[in-house]
Amino acid sequence: MTEYKQVDPELELKIALEEGDLRFVGVMGVGLMVPGVEGYKQKYRPKYGVKIIPLTSDAIEGETHLEFQRVAKDYAERYNRLLLKEIDKTADRSSKAK
């Protein structure tokens, strides 16, 4: 469960972009949360989608799981903010090309 502490969101995003994967990263709580992305459901879900970090939940099973939930949320927020920057860059390039 501690693997997300060691994962570099910049590197993971670079790999995802090379594979054409523009999905945001979500975590489960009481419902789906997409940290760092305001208005995800209305603005981004239809076009980009989401990949959910496994084992995230609102049913916390002890201190280790609680820590994992926090680390997963932090990772998702960093990843998503980086992805938003990439999406904004792409949108800027598209609007300038028109």
C-alpha atoms as a PDB file:
ATOM      1  CA  MET A   1       0.000   0.000   0.000  1.00  0.00           C
ATOM      2  CA  THR A   2       2.965   2.357   0.344  1.00  0.00           C
ATOM      3  CA  GLU A   3       3.924   2.134  -3.331  1.00  0.00           C
ATOM      4  CA  TYR A   4       2.329   5.501  -4.189  1.00  0.00           C
ATOM      5  CA  LYS A   5       4.809   7.285  -1.898  1.00  0.00           C
ATOM      6  CA  GLN A   6       7.564   6.212  -4.279  1.00  0.00           C
ATOM      7  CA  VAL A   7       5.776   6.772  -7.581  1.00  0.00           C
ATOM      8  CA  ASP A   8       6.729   9.920  -9.478  1.00  0.00           C
ATOM      9  CA  PRO A   9       3.574  11.525 -10.898  1.00  0.00           C
ATOM     10  CA  GLU A  10       5.589  13.401 -13.529  1.00  0.00           C
ATOM     11  CA  LEU A  11       7.111  10.189 -14.860  1.00  0.00           C
ATOM     12  CA  GLU A  12       3.790   8.356 -14.682  1.00  0.00           C
ATOM     13  CA  LEU A  13       2.090  11.160 -16.601  1.00  0.00           C
ATOM     14  CA  LYS A  14       4.823  11.165 -19.236  1.00  0.00           C
ATOM     15  CA  ILE A  15       4.291   7.437 -19.789  1.00  0.00           C
ATOM     16  CA  ALA A  16       0.514   7.872 -19.882  1.00  0.00           C
ATOM     17  CA  LEU A  17       0.756  10.690 -22.436  1.00  0.00           C
ATOM     18  CA  GLU A  18       3.055   8.611 -24.633  1.00  0.00           C
ATOM     19  CA  GLU A  19       0.374   5.900 -24.555  1.00  0.00           C
ATOM     20  CA  GLY A  20      -2.369   8.426 -25.349  1.00  0.00           C
ATOM     21  CA  ASP A  21      -3.935   8.012 -21.892  1.00  0.00           C
ATOM     22  CA  LEU A  22      -5.441  11.331 -20.818  1.00  0.00           C
ATOM     23  CA  ARG A  23      -7.511   9.961 -17.938  1.00  0.00           C
ATOM     24  CA  PHE A  24      -7.394  11.663 -14.568  1.00  0.00           C
ATOM     25  CA  VAL A  25      -6.597   9.724 -11.396  1.00  0.00           C
ATOM     26  CA  GLY A  26      -9.382   9.239  -8.891  1.00  0.00           C
ATOM     27  CA  VAL A  27      -9.727   7.862  -5.411  1.00  0.00           C
ATOM     28  CA  MET A  28     -12.791   6.388  -3.815  1.00  0.00           C
ATOM     29  CA  GLY A  29     -14.193   7.855  -0.612  1.00  0.00           C
ATOM     30  CA  VAL A  30     -17.878   8.212   0.055  1.00  0.00           C
ATOM     31  CA  GLY A  31     -17.983   8.601  -3.718  1.00  0.00           C
ATOM     32  CA  LEU A  32     -15.489   9.219  -6.489  1.00  0.00           C
ATOM     33  CA  MET A  33     -13.037  12.044  -5.803  1.00  0.00           C
ATOM     34  CA  VAL A  34     -10.730  13.503  -8.441  1.00  0.00           C
ATOM     35  CA  PRO A  35      -8.334  15.593  -6.330  1.00  0.00           C
ATOM     36  CA  GLY A  36      -7.034  18.820  -7.822  1.00  0.00           C
ATOM     37  CA  VAL A  37      -9.697  19.000 -10.540  1.00  0.00           C
ATOM     38  CA  GLU A  38     -12.502  21.399  -9.833  1.00  0.00           C
ATOM     39  CA  GLY A  39     -15.648  20.635 -11.807  1.00  0.00           C
ATOM     40  CA  TYR A  40     -14.374  17.237 -12.964  1.00  0.00           C
ATOM     41  CA  LYS A  41     -17.800  15.684 -13.586  1.00  0.00           C
ATOM     42  CA  GLN A  42     -19.109  18.548 -15.686  1.00  0.00           C
ATOM     43  CA  LYS A  43     -15.952  19.733 -17.430  1.00  0.00           C
ATOM     44  CA  TYR A  44     -13.676  16.755 -17.872  1.00  0.00           C
ATOM     45  CA  ARG A  45     -15.362  13.381 -17.285  1.00  0.00           C
ATOM     46  CA  PRO A  46     -17.107  13.142 -20.655  1.00  0.00           C
ATOM     47  CA  LYS A  47     -13.907  13.681 -22.633  1.00  0.00           C
ATOM     48  CA  TYR A  48     -11.110  12.311 -20.433  1.00  0.00           C
ATOM     49  CA  GLY A  49     -12.453   9.770 -17.952  1.00  0.00           C
ATOM     50  CA  VAL A  50     -10.772   8.559 -14.802  1.00  0.00           C
ATOM     51  CA  LYS A  51      -8.644   5.689 -13.583  1.00  0.00           C
ATOM     52  CA  ILE A  52      -9.258   4.826  -9.939  1.00  0.00           C
ATOM     53  CA  ILE A  53      -6.463   3.880  -7.565  1.00  0.00           C
ATOM     54  CA  PRO A  54      -7.287   0.360  -6.340  1.00  0.00           C
ATOM     55  CA  LEU A  55      -8.040  -0.225  -2.648  1.00  0.00           C
ATOM     56  CA  THR A  56      -9.155   3.357  -2.002  1.00  0.00           C
ATOM     57  CA  SER A  57     -12.400   3.508  -0.082  1.00  0.00           C
ATOM     58  CA  ASP A  58     -14.372   5.206   2.652  1.00  0.00           C
ATOM     59  CA  ALA A  59     -14.297   1.911   4.580  1.00  0.00           C
ATOM     60  CA  ILE A  60     -10.960   2.429   6.328  1.00  0.00           C
ATOM     61  CA  GLU A  61      -9.482  -0.795   7.685  1.00  0.00           C
ATOM     62  CA  GLY A  62      -6.888   0.544  10.132  1.00  0.00           C
ATOM     63  CA  GLU A  63      -4.025   3.018  10.324  1.00  0.00           C
ATOM     64  CA  THR A  64      -2.122   1.561   7.376  1.00  0.00           C
ATOM     65  CA  HIS A  65      -5.165   1.879   5.126  1.00  0.00           C
ATOM     66  CA  LEU A  66      -5.832   5.397   6.388  1.00  0.00           C
ATOM     67  CA  GLU A  67      -2.237   6.362   5.506  1.00  0.00           C
ATOM     68  CA  PHE A  68      -2.606   4.720   2.090  1.00  0.00           C
ATOM     69  CA  GLN A  69      -5.790   6.721   1.461  1.00  0.00           C
ATOM     70  CA  ARG A  70      -3.936   9.950   2.286  1.00  0.00           C
ATOM     71  CA  VAL A  71      -0.927   9.065   0.111  1.00  0.00           C
ATOM     72  CA  ALA A  72      -3.185   8.007  -2.785  1.00  0.00           C
ATOM     73  CA  LYS A  73      -5.117  11.275  -2.587  1.00  0.00           C
ATOM     74  CA  ASP A  74      -1.891  13.316  -2.541  1.00  0.00           C
ATOM     75  CA  TYR A  75      -0.516  11.378  -5.524  1.00  0.00           C
ATOM     76  CA  ALA A  76      -3.771  11.806  -7.462  1.00  0.00           C
ATOM     77  CA  GLU A  77      -3.814  15.526  -6.791  1.00  0.00           C
ATOM     78  CA  ARG A  78      -0.219  16.018  -8.007  1.00  0.00           C
ATOM     79  CA  TYR A  79      -0.829  13.859 -11.099  1.00  0.00           C
ATOM     80  CA  ASN A  80      -4.095  15.597 -11.948  1.00  0.00           C
ATOM     81  CA  ARG A  81      -2.638  19.089 -11.622  1.00  0.00           C
ATOM     82  CA  LEU A  82       0.148  18.114 -14.024  1.00  0.00           C
ATOM     83  CA  LEU A  83      -2.385  16.621 -16.436  1.00  0.00           C
ATOM     84  CA  LEU A  84      -4.474  19.794 -16.327  1.00  0.00           C
ATOM     85  CA  LYS A  85      -1.394  21.779 -17.368  1.00  0.00           C
ATOM     86  CA  GLU A  86      -0.873  19.424 -20.321  1.00  0.00           C
ATOM     87  CA  ILE A  87      -4.530  19.700 -21.332  1.00  0.00           C
ATOM     88  CA  ASP A  88      -4.312  23.497 -21.128  1.00  0.00           C
ATOM     89  CA  LYS A  89      -1.152  23.502 -23.287  1.00  0.00           C
ATOM     90  CA  THR A  90      -2.854  21.333 -25.891  1.00  0.00           C
ATOM     91  CA  ALA A  91      -5.931  23.574 -25.887  1.00  0.00           C
ATOM     92  CA  ASP A  92      -3.720  26.664 -26.322  1.00  0.00           C
ATOM     93  CA  ARG A  93      -1.933  25.071 -29.290  1.00  0.00           C
ATOM     94  CA  SER A  94      -5.253  24.054 -30.865  1.00  0.00           C
ATOM     95  CA  SER A  95      -6.748  27.527 -30.531  1.00  0.00           C
ATOM     96  CA  LYS A  96      -3.633  29.163 -31.999  1.00  0.00           C
ATOM     97  CA  ALA A  97      -3.676  26.792 -34.982  1.00  0.00           C
ATOM     98  CA  LYS A  98      -7.197  27.894 -35.963  1.00  0.00           C
END
